C-alpha atoms as a PDB file:
ATOM      1  CA  MET A   1      46.273  14.906 -50.687  1.00  0.00           C
ATOM      2  CA  HIS A   2      46.029  18.308 -52.380  1.00  0.00           C
ATOM      3  CA  SER A   3      43.172  19.561 -54.536  1.00  0.00           C
ATOM      4  CA  GLU A   4      45.060  19.193 -57.826  1.00  0.00           C
ATOM      5  CA  THR A   5      46.225  15.713 -56.874  1.00  0.00           C
ATOM      6  CA  LEU A   6      42.658  14.617 -56.194  1.00  0.00           C
ATOM      7  CA  LYS A   7      41.484  16.143 -59.492  1.00  0.00           C
ATOM      8  CA  LYS A   8      44.203  14.349 -61.457  1.00  0.00           C
ATOM      9  CA  ARG A   9      43.622  11.053 -59.696  1.00  0.00           C
ATOM     10  CA  SER A  10      39.859  11.280 -60.205  1.00  0.00           C
ATOM     11  CA  LYS A  11      40.256  12.105 -63.886  1.00  0.00           C
ATOM     12  CA  LEU A  12      42.609   9.145 -64.272  1.00  0.00           C
ATOM     13  CA  ILE A  13      40.146   6.744 -62.641  1.00  0.00           C
ATOM     14  CA  ARG A  14      37.319   8.006 -64.865  1.00  0.00           C
ATOM     15  CA  SER A  15      39.496   7.458 -67.928  1.00  0.00           C
ATOM     16  CA  LEU A  16      40.309   3.935 -66.702  1.00  0.00           C
ATOM     17  CA  ILE A  17      36.592   3.266 -66.310  1.00  0.00           C
ATOM     18  CA  MET A  18      36.187   4.107 -69.973  1.00  0.00           C
ATOM     19  CA  GLU A  19      39.015   1.750 -70.902  1.00  0.00           C
ATOM     20  CA  ILE A  20      37.070  -1.053 -69.202  1.00  0.00           C
ATOM     21  CA  VAL A  21      33.908   0.030 -71.022  1.00  0.00           C
ATOM     22  CA  ARG A  22      35.840  -0.151 -74.283  1.00  0.00           C
ATOM     23  CA  TYR A  23      36.118  -3.924 -73.758  1.00  0.00           C
ATOM     24  CA  GLY A  24      32.627  -4.666 -72.432  1.00  0.00           C
ATOM     25  CA  ARG A  25      30.686  -2.035 -74.428  1.00  0.00           C
ATOM     26  CA  ARG A  26      28.184  -1.674 -71.592  1.00  0.00           C
ATOM     27  CA  GLY A  27      27.724  -0.601 -67.997  1.00  0.00           C
ATOM     28  CA  HIS A  28      26.435   1.916 -65.478  1.00  0.00           C
ATOM     29  CA  ILE A  29      28.893   4.708 -66.242  1.00  0.00           C
ATOM     30  CA  PRO A  30      27.214   7.665 -64.432  1.00  0.00           C
ATOM     31  CA  THR A  31      26.834   5.802 -61.131  1.00  0.00           C
ATOM     32  CA  ALA A  32      30.501   4.815 -61.338  1.00  0.00           C
ATOM     33  CA  PHE A  33      31.554   8.398 -62.125  1.00  0.00           C
ATOM     34  CA  SER A  34      29.608   9.879 -59.199  1.00  0.00           C
ATOM     35  CA  MET A  35      31.586   7.925 -56.615  1.00  0.00           C
ATOM     36  CA  VAL A  36      35.103   8.312 -58.049  1.00  0.00           C
ATOM     37  CA  GLU A  37      36.292  10.947 -55.559  1.00  0.00           C
ATOM     38  CA  ILE A  38      34.985   8.770 -52.733  1.00  0.00           C
ATOM     39  CA  LEU A  39      36.923   5.739 -53.995  1.00  0.00           C
ATOM     40  CA  VAL A  40      40.108   7.738 -54.563  1.00  0.00           C
ATOM     41  CA  THR A  41      39.947   9.176 -51.041  1.00  0.00           C
ATOM     42  CA  LEU A  42      39.375   5.749 -49.508  1.00  0.00           C
ATOM     43  CA  TYR A  43      42.013   3.815 -51.428  1.00  0.00           C
ATOM     44  CA  ASP A  44      44.669   6.553 -51.527  1.00  0.00           C
ATOM     45  CA  SER A  45      44.352   7.832 -47.967  1.00  0.00           C
ATOM     46  CA  ILE A  46      42.078   5.898 -45.619  1.00  0.00           C
ATOM     47  CA  LEU A  47      41.801   2.146 -46.110  1.00  0.00           C
ATOM     48  CA  ARG A  48      44.360  -0.132 -44.472  1.00  0.00           C
ATOM     49  CA  VAL A  49      44.716  -2.671 -47.273  1.00  0.00           C
ATOM     50  CA  ASP A  50      47.523  -4.433 -49.127  1.00  0.00           C
ATOM     51  CA  PRO A  51      47.031  -5.450 -52.791  1.00  0.00           C
ATOM     52  CA  LYS A  52      49.748  -8.086 -52.372  1.00  0.00           C
ATOM     53  CA  LYS A  53      47.772  -9.636 -49.504  1.00  0.00           C
ATOM     54  CA  PRO A  54      44.086  -9.145 -50.364  1.00  0.00           C
ATOM     55  CA  GLU A  55      43.017 -11.624 -47.662  1.00  0.00           C
ATOM     56  CA  TRP A  56      45.208 -10.112 -44.932  1.00  0.00           C
ATOM     57  CA  PRO A  57      43.161 -10.786 -41.759  1.00  0.00           C
ATOM     58  CA  ASP A  58      43.698  -7.329 -40.259  1.00  0.00           C
ATOM     59  CA  ARG A  59      42.809  -5.364 -43.390  1.00  0.00           C
ATOM     60  CA  ASP A  60      40.020  -2.824 -43.452  1.00  0.00           C
ATOM     61  CA  ARG A  61      36.992  -4.053 -45.377  1.00  0.00           C
ATOM     62  CA  PHE A  62      35.299  -2.065 -48.146  1.00  0.00           C
ATOM     63  CA  ILE A  63      31.926  -3.163 -49.508  1.00  0.00           C
ATOM     64  CA  LEU A  64      30.425  -1.590 -52.607  1.00  0.00           C
ATOM     65  CA  SER A  65      26.759  -2.157 -51.800  1.00  0.00           C
ATOM     66  CA  LYS A  66      25.671  -0.335 -54.989  1.00  0.00           C
ATOM     67  CA  GLY A  67      27.188  -3.138 -57.015  1.00  0.00           C
ATOM     68  CA  HIS A  68      26.001  -1.782 -60.370  1.00  0.00           C
ATOM     69  CA  GLY A  69      28.700   0.904 -59.926  1.00  0.00           C
ATOM     70  CA  CYS A  70      31.353  -1.814 -60.208  1.00  0.00           C
ATOM     71  CA  LEU A  71      33.176  -0.095 -63.080  1.00  0.00           C
ATOM     72  CA  GLY A  72      34.544   2.388 -60.558  1.00  0.00           C
ATOM     73  CA  LEU A  73      35.634  -0.396 -58.213  1.00  0.00           C
ATOM     74  CA  TYR A  74      37.295  -2.370 -61.021  1.00  0.00           C
ATOM     75  CA  ALA A  75      39.188   0.743 -62.107  1.00  0.00           C
ATOM     76  CA  ILE A  76      40.545   1.506 -58.632  1.00  0.00           C
ATOM     77  CA  LEU A  77      41.379  -2.157 -57.943  1.00  0.00           C
ATOM     78  CA  GLY A  78      43.339  -2.292 -61.211  1.00  0.00           C
ATOM     79  CA  ASP A  79      45.032   1.025 -60.477  1.00  0.00           C
ATOM     80  CA  LYS A  80      46.096  -0.216 -57.030  1.00  0.00           C
ATOM     81  CA  GLY A  81      47.268  -3.627 -58.228  1.00  0.00           C
ATOM     82  CA  PHE A  82      44.625  -5.893 -56.684  1.00  0.00           C
ATOM     83  CA  ILE A  83      43.744  -7.112 -60.166  1.00  0.00           C
ATOM     84  CA  SER A  84      45.650  -6.944 -63.427  1.00  0.00           C
ATOM     85  CA  LYS A  85      44.631  -4.432 -66.042  1.00  0.00           C
ATOM     86  CA  GLU A  86      44.693  -7.376 -68.421  1.00  0.00           C
ATOM     87  CA  SER A  87      41.615  -8.694 -66.588  1.00  0.00           C
ATOM     88  CA  TRP A  88      39.682  -5.614 -67.740  1.00  0.00           C
ATOM     89  CA  LYS A  89      39.564  -7.164 -71.209  1.00  0.00           C
ATOM     90  CA  GLY A  90      37.168  -9.771 -69.831  1.00  0.00           C
ATOM     91  CA  PHE A  91      34.619  -7.278 -68.509  1.00  0.00           C
ATOM     92  CA  CYS A  92      31.157  -8.815 -69.011  1.00  0.00           C
ATOM     93  CA  ALA A  93      32.669 -11.672 -71.032  1.00  0.00           C
ATOM     94  CA  TYR A  94      31.542 -15.234 -70.323  1.00  0.00           C
ATOM     95  CA  ASP A  95      35.098 -16.293 -69.447  1.00  0.00           C
ATOM     96  CA  GLY A  96      36.132 -13.128 -67.556  1.00  0.00           C
ATOM     97  CA  ILE A  97      36.208 -12.492 -63.806  1.00  0.00           C
ATOM     98  CA  LEU A  98      34.645  -9.016 -64.008  1.00  0.00           C
ATOM     99  CA  GLY A  99      30.894  -9.202 -64.288  1.00  0.00           C
ATOM    100  CA  GLY A 100      28.261  -6.495 -64.378  1.00  0.00           C
ATOM    101  CA  HIS A 101      28.232  -6.786 -60.579  1.00  0.00           C
ATOM    102  CA  PRO A 102      31.257  -7.674 -58.417  1.00  0.00           C
ATOM    103  CA  THR A 103      31.805 -11.255 -57.241  1.00  0.00           C
ATOM    104  CA  LYS A 104      33.868 -11.942 -54.122  1.00  0.00           C
ATOM    105  CA  GLU A 105      34.880 -15.465 -55.094  1.00  0.00           C
ATOM    106  CA  LYS A 106      36.480 -14.295 -58.341  1.00  0.00           C
ATOM    107  CA  ILE A 107      37.950 -10.839 -57.732  1.00  0.00           C
ATOM    108  CA  PRO A 108      40.788 -10.052 -55.280  1.00  0.00           C
ATOM    109  CA  GLY A 109      39.885  -7.021 -53.181  1.00  0.00           C
ATOM    110  CA  VAL A 110      36.128  -7.559 -53.401  1.00  0.00           C
ATOM    111  CA  GLU A 111      34.716  -8.280 -49.946  1.00  0.00           C
ATOM    112  CA  ALA A 112      31.129  -9.147 -50.886  1.00  0.00           C
ATOM    113  CA  SER A 113      29.157 -10.106 -53.974  1.00  0.00           C
ATOM    114  CA  THR A 114      26.719  -7.235 -54.410  1.00  0.00           C
ATOM    115  CA  GLY A 115      24.226  -5.902 -56.905  1.00  0.00           C
ATOM    116  CA  SER A 116      20.974  -7.050 -55.386  1.00  0.00           C
ATOM    117  CA  LEU A 117      20.463  -3.692 -53.711  1.00  0.00           C
ATOM    118  CA  GLY A 118      19.993  -3.311 -49.989  1.00  0.00           C
ATOM    119  CA  HIS A 119      22.268  -6.133 -48.848  1.00  0.00           C
ATOM    120  CA  GLY A 120      25.699  -4.529 -48.452  1.00  0.00           C
ATOM    121  CA  LEU A 121      25.060  -2.761 -45.160  1.00  0.00           C
ATOM    122  CA  ALA A 122      23.756  -5.928 -43.522  1.00  0.00           C
ATOM    123  CA  ILE A 123      26.877  -7.801 -44.656  1.00  0.00           C
ATOM    124  CA  GLY A 124      29.060  -4.940 -43.421  1.00  0.00           C
ATOM    125  CA  ALA A 125      27.314  -4.864 -40.050  1.00  0.00           C
ATOM    126  CA  GLY A 126      27.934  -8.593 -39.685  1.00  0.00           C
ATOM    127  CA  ILE A 127      31.621  -8.193 -40.508  1.00  0.00           C
ATOM    128  CA  ALA A 128      31.925  -5.279 -38.066  1.00  0.00           C
ATOM    129  CA  LEU A 129      30.191  -7.297 -35.340  1.00  0.00           C
ATOM    130  CA  ALA A 130      32.576 -10.202 -35.972  1.00  0.00           C
ATOM    131  CA  ALA A 131      35.517  -7.829 -35.521  1.00  0.00           C
ATOM    132  CA  LYS A 132      34.113  -6.715 -32.166  1.00  0.00           C
ATOM    133  CA  MET A 133      33.604 -10.304 -31.037  1.00  0.00           C
ATOM    134  CA  ASP A 134      37.135 -11.261 -32.102  1.00  0.00           C
ATOM    135  CA  ASN A 135      38.720  -8.124 -30.563  1.00  0.00           C
ATOM    136  CA  LYS A 136      40.059  -7.041 -33.972  1.00  0.00           C
ATOM    137  CA  ASP A 137      40.688  -3.398 -34.843  1.00  0.00           C
ATOM    138  CA  TYR A 138      39.910  -3.429 -38.569  1.00  0.00           C
ATOM    139  CA  ARG A 139      37.154  -1.112 -39.837  1.00  0.00           C
ATOM    140  CA  THR A 140      34.359  -1.887 -42.274  1.00  0.00           C
ATOM    141  CA  PHE A 141      33.347   0.739 -44.830  1.00  0.00           C
ATOM    142  CA  VAL A 142      30.125   0.343 -46.843  1.00  0.00           C
ATOM    143  CA  LEU A 143      29.228   2.549 -49.817  1.00  0.00           C
ATOM    144  CA  LEU A 144      25.493   2.754 -50.507  1.00  0.00           C
ATOM    145  CA  GLY A 145      23.581   4.322 -53.357  1.00  0.00           C
ATOM    146  CA  ASP A 146      20.880   6.836 -52.480  1.00  0.00           C
ATOM    147  CA  GLY A 147      18.184   5.036 -54.488  1.00  0.00           C
ATOM    148  CA  GLU A 148      19.280   1.876 -52.705  1.00  0.00           C
ATOM    149  CA  CYS A 149      18.244   3.522 -49.443  1.00  0.00           C
ATOM    150  CA  ASP A 150      14.610   2.963 -50.491  1.00  0.00           C
ATOM    151  CA  GLU A 151      15.212  -0.647 -49.433  1.00  0.00           C
ATOM    152  CA  GLY A 152      13.892  -1.590 -45.994  1.00  0.00           C
ATOM    153  CA  SER A 153      16.819  -3.938 -45.439  1.00  0.00           C
ATOM    154  CA  VAL A 154      19.146  -0.924 -45.308  1.00  0.00           C
ATOM    155  CA  TRP A 155      17.306   0.474 -42.302  1.00  0.00           C
ATOM    156  CA  GLU A 156      17.012  -2.920 -40.605  1.00  0.00           C
ATOM    157  CA  ALA A 157      20.795  -3.210 -40.859  1.00  0.00           C
ATOM    158  CA  ALA A 158      21.201   0.335 -39.509  1.00  0.00           C
ATOM    159  CA  LEU A 159      19.038  -0.567 -36.502  1.00  0.00           C
ATOM    160  CA  ALA A 160      21.176  -3.644 -35.846  1.00  0.00           C
ATOM    161  CA  ALA A 161      24.391  -1.635 -36.179  1.00  0.00           C
ATOM    162  CA  GLY A 162      23.162   0.881 -33.643  1.00  0.00           C
ATOM    163  CA  LYS A 163      21.982  -1.812 -31.247  1.00  0.00           C
ATOM    164  CA  HIS A 164      25.379  -3.525 -31.306  1.00  0.00           C
ATOM    165  CA  LYS A 165      27.260  -0.197 -30.959  1.00  0.00           C
ATOM    166  CA  LEU A 166      29.302  -0.826 -34.094  1.00  0.00           C
ATOM    167  CA  ASP A 167      31.591   2.198 -34.020  1.00  0.00           C
ATOM    168  CA  ASN A 168      33.948   0.253 -36.316  1.00  0.00           C
ATOM    169  CA  LEU A 169      31.342   0.511 -39.109  1.00  0.00           C
ATOM    170  CA  ILE A 170      31.457   3.479 -41.494  1.00  0.00           C
ATOM    171  CA  ILE A 171      28.491   4.038 -43.806  1.00  0.00           C
ATOM    172  CA  LEU A 172      28.949   6.235 -46.870  1.00  0.00           C
ATOM    173  CA  VAL A 173      26.068   7.238 -49.119  1.00  0.00           C
ATOM    174  CA  ASP A 174      26.642   8.374 -52.708  1.00  0.00           C
ATOM    175  CA  TYR A 175      23.862  10.954 -52.628  1.00  0.00           C
ATOM    176  CA  ASN A 176      23.706  11.974 -56.290  1.00  0.00           C
ATOM    177  CA  LYS A 177      19.919  12.396 -55.952  1.00  0.00           C
ATOM    178  CA  HIS A 178      19.031  10.316 -59.008  1.00  0.00           C
ATOM    179  CA  GLN A 179      18.105   6.667 -59.456  1.00  0.00           C
ATOM    180  CA  SER A 180      17.286   4.566 -62.478  1.00  0.00           C
ATOM    181  CA  PHE A 181      14.219   6.366 -63.829  1.00  0.00           C
ATOM    182  CA  ALA A 182      13.787   9.633 -61.886  1.00  0.00           C
ATOM    183  CA  SER A 183      15.151  11.774 -59.090  1.00  0.00           C
ATOM    184  CA  THR A 184      15.150  10.360 -55.565  1.00  0.00           C
ATOM    185  CA  TYR A 185      12.777  13.182 -54.636  1.00  0.00           C
ATOM    186  CA  GLU A 186      10.228  11.990 -57.187  1.00  0.00           C
ATOM    187  CA  VAL A 187      10.565   8.266 -56.535  1.00  0.00           C
ATOM    188  CA  CYS A 188      10.729   8.202 -52.723  1.00  0.00           C
ATOM    189  CA  ASP A 189      12.008  11.335 -51.034  1.00  0.00           C
ATOM    190  CA  LEU A 190      14.828  10.574 -48.587  1.00  0.00           C
ATOM    191  CA  GLU A 191      14.779  13.889 -46.773  1.00  0.00           C
ATOM    192  CA  PRO A 192      15.363  14.669 -43.989  1.00  0.00           C
ATOM    193  CA  PHE A 193      18.152  12.221 -44.817  1.00  0.00           C
ATOM    194  CA  ALA A 194      20.699  13.034 -42.107  1.00  0.00           C
ATOM    195  CA  ASP A 195      17.991  12.984 -39.445  1.00  0.00           C
ATOM    196  CA  LYS A 196      16.953   9.490 -40.531  1.00  0.00           C
ATOM    197  CA  TRP A 197      20.468   8.110 -39.981  1.00  0.00           C
ATOM    198  CA  LYS A 198      20.654   9.878 -36.615  1.00  0.00           C
ATOM    199  CA  ALA A 199      17.301   8.395 -35.596  1.00  0.00           C
ATOM    200  CA  PHE A 200      18.654   4.924 -36.394  1.00  0.00           C
ATOM    201  CA  GLY A 201      21.599   5.408 -34.037  1.00  0.00           C
ATOM    202  CA  CYS A 202      24.353   6.765 -36.279  1.00  0.00           C
ATOM    203  CA  GLU A 203      26.588   9.775 -35.789  1.00  0.00           C
ATOM    204  CA  VAL A 204      26.323  11.708 -39.060  1.00  0.00           C
ATOM    205  CA  ARG A 205      28.477  14.021 -41.167  1.00  0.00           C
ATOM    206  CA  GLU A 206      27.810  15.517 -44.599  1.00  0.00           C
ATOM    207  CA  VAL A 207      30.323  16.513 -47.280  1.00  0.00           C
ATOM    208  CA  ASP A 208      30.006  18.435 -50.543  1.00  0.00           C
ATOM    209  CA  MET A 209      31.993  16.204 -52.910  1.00  0.00           C
ATOM    210  CA  VAL A 210      31.503  18.638 -55.797  1.00  0.00           C
ATOM    211  CA  ASN A 211      32.950  21.801 -54.259  1.00  0.00           C
ATOM    212  CA  ARG A 212      34.860  20.558 -51.199  1.00  0.00           C
ATOM    213  CA  PRO A 213      35.876  16.944 -51.851  1.00  0.00           C
ATOM    214  CA  LEU A 214      39.027  17.174 -49.739  1.00  0.00           C
ATOM    215  CA  GLU A 215      36.844  17.391 -46.647  1.00  0.00           C
ATOM    216  CA  LEU A 216      36.028  13.697 -46.972  1.00  0.00           C
ATOM    217  CA  LYS A 217      39.584  12.709 -46.042  1.00  0.00           C
ATOM    218  CA  VAL A 218      39.474  14.959 -42.980  1.00  0.00           C
ATOM    219  CA  ILE A 219      36.104  13.553 -41.944  1.00  0.00           C
ATOM    220  CA  LEU A 220      37.113   9.914 -42.417  1.00  0.00           C
ATOM    221  CA  SER A 221      40.379  10.476 -40.554  1.00  0.00           C
ATOM    222  CA  SER A 222      38.334  11.057 -37.400  1.00  0.00           C
ATOM    223  CA  VAL A 223      36.146   7.931 -37.362  1.00  0.00           C
ATOM    224  CA  PRO A 224      34.473   6.847 -35.211  1.00  0.00           C
ATOM    225  CA  PHE A 225      32.655  10.147 -34.830  1.00  0.00           C
ATOM    226  CA  ALA A 226      31.252   9.047 -31.462  1.00  0.00           C
ATOM    227  CA  PRO A 227      32.073   6.079 -29.202  1.00  0.00           C
ATOM    228  CA  GLY A 228      29.571   3.265 -29.520  1.00  0.00           C
ATOM    229  CA  LYS A 229      27.892   4.620 -32.656  1.00  0.00           C
ATOM    230  CA  PRO A 230      28.228   3.713 -36.348  1.00  0.00           C
ATOM    231  CA  SER A 231      29.535   6.627 -38.434  1.00  0.00           C
ATOM    232  CA  ALA A 232      27.473   7.740 -41.432  1.00  0.00           C
ATOM    233  CA  VAL A 233      28.726  10.138 -44.117  1.00  0.00           C
ATOM    234  CA  ILE A 234      26.303  11.589 -46.648  1.00  0.00           C
ATOM    235  CA  CYS A 235      28.362  12.447 -49.731  1.00  0.00           C
ATOM    236  CA  HIS A 236      26.646  14.987 -51.988  1.00  0.00           C
ATOM    237  CA  THR A 237      27.722  14.049 -55.521  1.00  0.00           C
ATOM    238  CA  ILE A 238      26.628  14.440 -59.139  1.00  0.00           C
ATOM    239  CA  LYS A 239      25.525  11.459 -61.200  1.00  0.00           C
ATOM    240  CA  GLY A 240      27.811  11.272 -64.228  1.00  0.00           C
ATOM    241  CA  LYS A 241      30.237  13.806 -62.735  1.00  0.00           C
ATOM    242  CA  GLY A 242      32.922  15.067 -65.079  1.00  0.00           C
ATOM    243  CA  VAL A 243      31.017  14.785 -68.361  1.00  0.00           C
ATOM    244  CA  SER A 244      28.608  17.655 -68.958  1.00  0.00           C
ATOM    245  CA  PHE A 245      26.200  15.829 -71.285  1.00  0.00           C
ATOM    246  CA  MET A 246      26.016  12.872 -68.888  1.00  0.00           C
ATOM    247  CA  GLU A 247      25.561  14.720 -65.602  1.00  0.00           C
ATOM    248  CA  ASN A 248      22.091  14.080 -64.145  1.00  0.00           C
ATOM    249  CA  ASN A 249      21.003  12.686 -67.538  1.00  0.00           C
ATOM    250  CA  LEU A 250      19.037   9.533 -66.783  1.00  0.00           C
ATOM    251  CA  SER A 251      19.144   8.353 -70.400  1.00  0.00           C
ATOM    252  CA  TRP A 252      22.732   7.382 -69.567  1.00  0.00           C
ATOM    253  CA  HIS A 253      21.847   5.404 -66.405  1.00  0.00           C
ATOM    254  CA  HIS A 254      22.775   2.158 -68.149  1.00  0.00           C
ATOM    255  CA  LYS A 255      23.987   1.629 -71.693  1.00  0.00           C
ATOM    256  CA  SER A 256      24.671  -1.453 -73.775  1.00  0.00           C
ATOM    257  CA  ASN A 257      26.355  -1.622 -77.178  1.00  0.00           C
ATOM    258  CA  ILE A 258      28.266   1.574 -76.475  1.00  0.00           C
ATOM    259  CA  SER A 259      30.007   2.759 -79.639  1.00  0.00           C
ATOM    260  CA  ASP A 260      33.600   3.861 -80.148  1.00  0.00           C
ATOM    261  CA  GLU A 261      32.209   7.299 -80.936  1.00  0.00           C
ATOM    262  CA  ASP A 262      30.454   7.506 -77.556  1.00  0.00           C
ATOM    263  CA  ILE A 263      33.556   6.324 -75.731  1.00  0.00           C
ATOM    264  CA  GLU A 264      35.776   8.895 -77.434  1.00  0.00           C
ATOM    265  CA  LYS A 265      33.190  11.594 -76.806  1.00  0.00           C
ATOM    266  CA  ILE A 266      33.211  10.848 -73.085  1.00  0.00           C
ATOM    267  CA  ILE A 267      37.001  10.695 -72.861  1.00  0.00           C
ATOM    268  CA  SER A 268      37.299  13.986 -74.728  1.00  0.00           C
ATOM    269  CA  ALA A 269      34.811  15.601 -72.361  1.00  0.00           C
ATOM    270  CA  LEU A 270      36.985  14.528 -69.417  1.00  0.00           C
ATOM    271  CA  GLU A 271      39.900  16.437 -70.932  1.00  0.00           C
ATOM    272  CA  VAL A 272      38.049  19.784 -70.868  1.00  0.00           C
END
C-alpha cells in the first residue's frame, strides 16, 4: 500500500461512515474517524479473512472492543462485502441489524458483541488461548480505545495473556488522547503507557498514525514481536481525524438528530 492509496481509501471509508450516519442521524463519529487508517490497514493488508465465508474456522479474528466506534467497522465491513450496503439503511432502526454497538449474532464479520467497555481484550485473550489449545494458527486482533484502558478488566486480561504466552494475540490501542468528557490526561493519565503494557508482559511498538500511517502495515507484518509474548501497538491518532472543526472537539463525541446540513458540512470538509 502506498501513501496516496491509504489516503484515498481512508477518505472513502470516512465518506461511507457519513452515508451510514445519513440513515441513522446519530453516532460516535469522531471515535470512528480516529481509527479509520487502522481499519484500512488491517482489512486491506493484514487480516486473513474471507467475506464470502465469515465463519471460516481458520480466519483471523478482529474484535472492536471500543464498540461505540462501530460506524467505522460497519463502513469497512460494507466496503469489503461482509454486509450489504443496503443494510446501512437500518442503522439504529428497530428492525435493522446495525445497532449503536455491534452484535455478533446479527452481523457477519463481527466476532464479539461489544460496547460495554473493557471486555474485548478478555474475549480476545480467550479466543487466542483456544487457538493455542487447538493448535490453530489464526491470530486475534483487538482494537481498544484509550479511555477504555481506564477499565481494570483490560489489565486483568493483559495479565492473563502474558501468563498464557499468547503471542497470537495482537492488541491495538486507538490512542487519540480524548474520551467522552475530557482528555485522557485529565480523566486518568495513562502515561507511561508503553511501559504499562511492557510491565504486563507485552512486547510493544508505537506508531504515529497521523504522520507515518504506513508504518502500521510494516509493524503488523512482523507479529509476533517476540516469541511467547502478546504484541501491543499504541497507535497515536487524532479524534475526529479528517475534519478540522471536529478534531479533538469533545462536543462532537456523540451526536443525535444530526442534520443534513451537518452531514454535508462534514463531507465537504473531507474533500479539502
